[in-house]
Amino acid sequence: MNVRVMLIEPSTNPKAFNVVVLIGKSDYTFTITVETDKIAEQEIQITNGDDFFCQTFQFNQIVGVEICKLVSKIYNHQVVKLPVDVGEFYSEELESASLEKVS
């Protein structure tokens, strides 16, 4: 099944984003936060998905990373034209994650 990011919008928390992802024909909403930290005098960004996001992409981390990269771009005020295809998700992975439709 194709995975497509449909929407990334800021939430009430200025460092969090609501992300709508279409997996196959079902849409799911996740919250992803972006924080900055300084390591060795260099600032880095850390993106973290909510528990549902982590559970959903635990067996397909490459797709999860691609979604986080898009959120990071939005956080940095870069232009992202949505929707964006971010990879493939196989039905076995969806069953393994025991997803329930959120939206």
C-alpha atoms as a PDB file:
ATOM      1  CA  MET A   1       0.000   0.000   0.000  1.00  0.00           C
ATOM      2  CA  ASN A   2       1.194   3.464  -0.844  1.00  0.00           C
ATOM      3  CA  VAL A   3       1.949   5.838   2.042  1.00  0.00           C
ATOM      4  CA  ARG A   4       1.200   9.484   1.331  1.00  0.00           C
ATOM      5  CA  VAL A   5       1.502  12.508   3.618  1.00  0.00           C
ATOM      6  CA  MET A   6      -1.625  14.553   3.015  1.00  0.00           C
ATOM      7  CA  LEU A   7      -1.352  17.357   5.562  1.00  0.00           C
ATOM      8  CA  ILE A   8       1.137  18.784   8.040  1.00  0.00           C
ATOM      9  CA  GLU A   9      -0.224  21.557  10.229  1.00  0.00           C
ATOM     10  CA  PRO A  10       0.930  23.193  13.463  1.00  0.00           C
ATOM     11  CA  SER A  11      -0.885  22.135  16.615  1.00  0.00           C
ATOM     12  CA  THR A  12      -1.587  24.283  19.665  1.00  0.00           C
ATOM     13  CA  ASN A  13       1.932  23.437  20.882  1.00  0.00           C
ATOM     14  CA  PRO A  14       4.361  25.520  18.761  1.00  0.00           C
ATOM     15  CA  LYS A  15       6.811  22.612  18.539  1.00  0.00           C
ATOM     16  CA  ALA A  16       4.234  19.989  17.546  1.00  0.00           C
ATOM     17  CA  PHE A  17       2.562  19.209  14.252  1.00  0.00           C
ATOM     18  CA  ASN A  18      -0.529  17.219  13.339  1.00  0.00           C
ATOM     19  CA  VAL A  19       0.269  14.974  10.404  1.00  0.00           C
ATOM     20  CA  VAL A  20      -2.371  13.237   8.293  1.00  0.00           C
ATOM     21  CA  VAL A  21      -1.047  10.180   6.465  1.00  0.00           C
ATOM     22  CA  LEU A  22      -2.936   8.083   3.948  1.00  0.00           C
ATOM     23  CA  ILE A  23      -1.964   4.404   4.099  1.00  0.00           C
ATOM     24  CA  GLY A  24      -3.707   2.644   1.274  1.00  0.00           C
ATOM     25  CA  LYS A  25      -7.256   4.004   1.476  1.00  0.00           C
ATOM     26  CA  SER A  26      -7.275   4.783   5.220  1.00  0.00           C
ATOM     27  CA  ASP A  27      -6.113   8.021   6.774  1.00  0.00           C
ATOM     28  CA  TYR A  28      -4.341   8.279  10.127  1.00  0.00           C
ATOM     29  CA  THR A  29      -3.449  11.303  12.234  1.00  0.00           C
ATOM     30  CA  PHE A  30      -0.210  11.505  14.207  1.00  0.00           C
ATOM     31  CA  THR A  31       1.431  14.168  16.348  1.00  0.00           C
ATOM     32  CA  ILE A  32       5.118  14.800  15.731  1.00  0.00           C
ATOM     33  CA  THR A  33       7.213  17.153  17.851  1.00  0.00           C
ATOM     34  CA  VAL A  34      10.381  18.969  16.857  1.00  0.00           C
ATOM     35  CA  GLU A  35      12.927  20.034  19.457  1.00  0.00           C
ATOM     36  CA  THR A  36      16.375  21.543  19.167  1.00  0.00           C
ATOM     37  CA  ASP A  37      19.364  20.624  21.292  1.00  0.00           C
ATOM     38  CA  LYS A  38      22.986  21.655  21.321  1.00  0.00           C
ATOM     39  CA  ILE A  39      25.685  18.995  21.119  1.00  0.00           C
ATOM     40  CA  ALA A  40      29.351  19.959  20.904  1.00  0.00           C
ATOM     41  CA  GLU A  41      28.375  23.563  20.165  1.00  0.00           C
ATOM     42  CA  GLN A  42      26.266  22.458  17.212  1.00  0.00           C
ATOM     43  CA  GLU A  43      22.494  22.739  17.180  1.00  0.00           C
ATOM     44  CA  ILE A  44      20.570  19.649  16.077  1.00  0.00           C
ATOM     45  CA  GLN A  45      16.889  18.971  15.564  1.00  0.00           C
ATOM     46  CA  ILE A  46      15.147  15.993  17.085  1.00  0.00           C
ATOM     47  CA  THR A  47      11.789  14.800  15.776  1.00  0.00           C
ATOM     48  CA  ASN A  48       9.626  12.469  17.835  1.00  0.00           C
ATOM     49  CA  GLY A  49       6.368  10.860  16.853  1.00  0.00           C
ATOM     50  CA  ASP A  50       3.604  10.092  19.333  1.00  0.00           C
ATOM     51  CA  ASP A  51       3.105   6.525  20.580  1.00  0.00           C
ATOM     52  CA  PHE A  52       0.679   5.743  17.755  1.00  0.00           C
ATOM     53  CA  PHE A  53       3.220   6.927  15.175  1.00  0.00           C
ATOM     54  CA  CYS A  54       5.974   4.802  16.737  1.00  0.00           C
ATOM     55  CA  GLN A  55       3.696   1.759  16.874  1.00  0.00           C
ATOM     56  CA  THR A  56       2.581   2.232  13.283  1.00  0.00           C
ATOM     57  CA  PHE A  57       6.066   2.552  11.807  1.00  0.00           C
ATOM     58  CA  GLN A  58       7.990   0.209  14.112  1.00  0.00           C
ATOM     59  CA  PHE A  59       8.345  -2.315  11.286  1.00  0.00           C
ATOM     60  CA  ASN A  60       8.843   0.280   8.553  1.00  0.00           C
ATOM     61  CA  GLN A  61      11.158   2.879  10.040  1.00  0.00           C
ATOM     62  CA  ILE A  62      12.309   4.144   6.654  1.00  0.00           C
ATOM     63  CA  VAL A  63       8.824   5.497   5.945  1.00  0.00           C
ATOM     64  CA  GLY A  64       8.660   6.974   9.462  1.00  0.00           C
ATOM     65  CA  VAL A  65      11.972   8.769   8.911  1.00  0.00           C
ATOM     66  CA  GLU A  66      10.731  10.209   5.611  1.00  0.00           C
ATOM     67  CA  ILE A  67       7.640  11.598   7.356  1.00  0.00           C
ATOM     68  CA  CYS A  68       9.818  13.141  10.089  1.00  0.00           C
ATOM     69  CA  LYS A  69      12.032  14.755   7.438  1.00  0.00           C
ATOM     70  CA  LEU A  70       8.982  16.459   5.933  1.00  0.00           C
ATOM     71  CA  VAL A  71       7.894  17.734   9.353  1.00  0.00           C
ATOM     72  CA  SER A  72      11.395  19.067   9.951  1.00  0.00           C
ATOM     73  CA  LYS A  73      11.272  20.946   6.652  1.00  0.00           C
ATOM     74  CA  ILE A  74       7.948  22.539   7.602  1.00  0.00           C
ATOM     75  CA  TYR A  75       9.372  23.455  11.024  1.00  0.00           C
ATOM     76  CA  ASN A  76      12.302  25.166   9.253  1.00  0.00           C
ATOM     77  CA  HIS A  77       9.887  27.121   7.013  1.00  0.00           C
ATOM     78  CA  GLN A  78      10.912  25.270   3.867  1.00  0.00           C
ATOM     79  CA  VAL A  79       8.345  24.803   1.132  1.00  0.00           C
ATOM     80  CA  VAL A  80       6.841  21.322   0.979  1.00  0.00           C
ATOM     81  CA  LYS A  81       4.251  20.621  -1.694  1.00  0.00           C
ATOM     82  CA  LEU A  82       1.706  18.139  -0.329  1.00  0.00           C
ATOM     83  CA  PRO A  83       0.599  15.436  -0.846  1.00  0.00           C
ATOM     84  CA  VAL A  84       3.920  13.574  -0.903  1.00  0.00           C
ATOM     85  CA  ASP A  85       4.420   9.851  -1.428  1.00  0.00           C
ATOM     86  CA  VAL A  86       6.908   8.584   1.171  1.00  0.00           C
ATOM     87  CA  GLY A  87       7.043   4.860   0.507  1.00  0.00           C
ATOM     88  CA  GLU A  88       5.232   1.563   0.600  1.00  0.00           C
ATOM     89  CA  PHE A  89       3.577  -0.172   3.524  1.00  0.00           C
ATOM     90  CA  TYR A  90       2.713  -3.831   3.283  1.00  0.00           C
ATOM     91  CA  SER A  91      -0.473  -5.288   4.729  1.00  0.00           C
ATOM     92  CA  GLU A  92       1.525  -7.598   7.017  1.00  0.00           C
ATOM     93  CA  GLU A  93       3.181  -4.536   8.608  1.00  0.00           C
ATOM     94  CA  LEU A  94      -0.189  -2.888   9.092  1.00  0.00           C
ATOM     95  CA  GLU A  95      -1.537  -6.012  10.786  1.00  0.00           C
ATOM     96  CA  SER A  96       1.599  -6.332  12.942  1.00  0.00           C
ATOM     97  CA  ALA A  97       1.180  -2.768  14.178  1.00  0.00           C
ATOM     98  CA  SER A  98      -2.441  -3.582  15.169  1.00  0.00           C
ATOM     99  CA  LEU A  99      -3.673  -0.258  13.853  1.00  0.00           C
ATOM    100  CA  GLU A 100      -7.094   1.027  14.605  1.00  0.00           C
ATOM    101  CA  LYS A 101      -8.502   3.811  12.476  1.00  0.00           C
ATOM    102  CA  VAL A 102      -8.156   7.113  14.347  1.00  0.00           C
ATOM    103  CA  SER A 103      -9.889   9.563  12.004  1.00  0.00           C
END
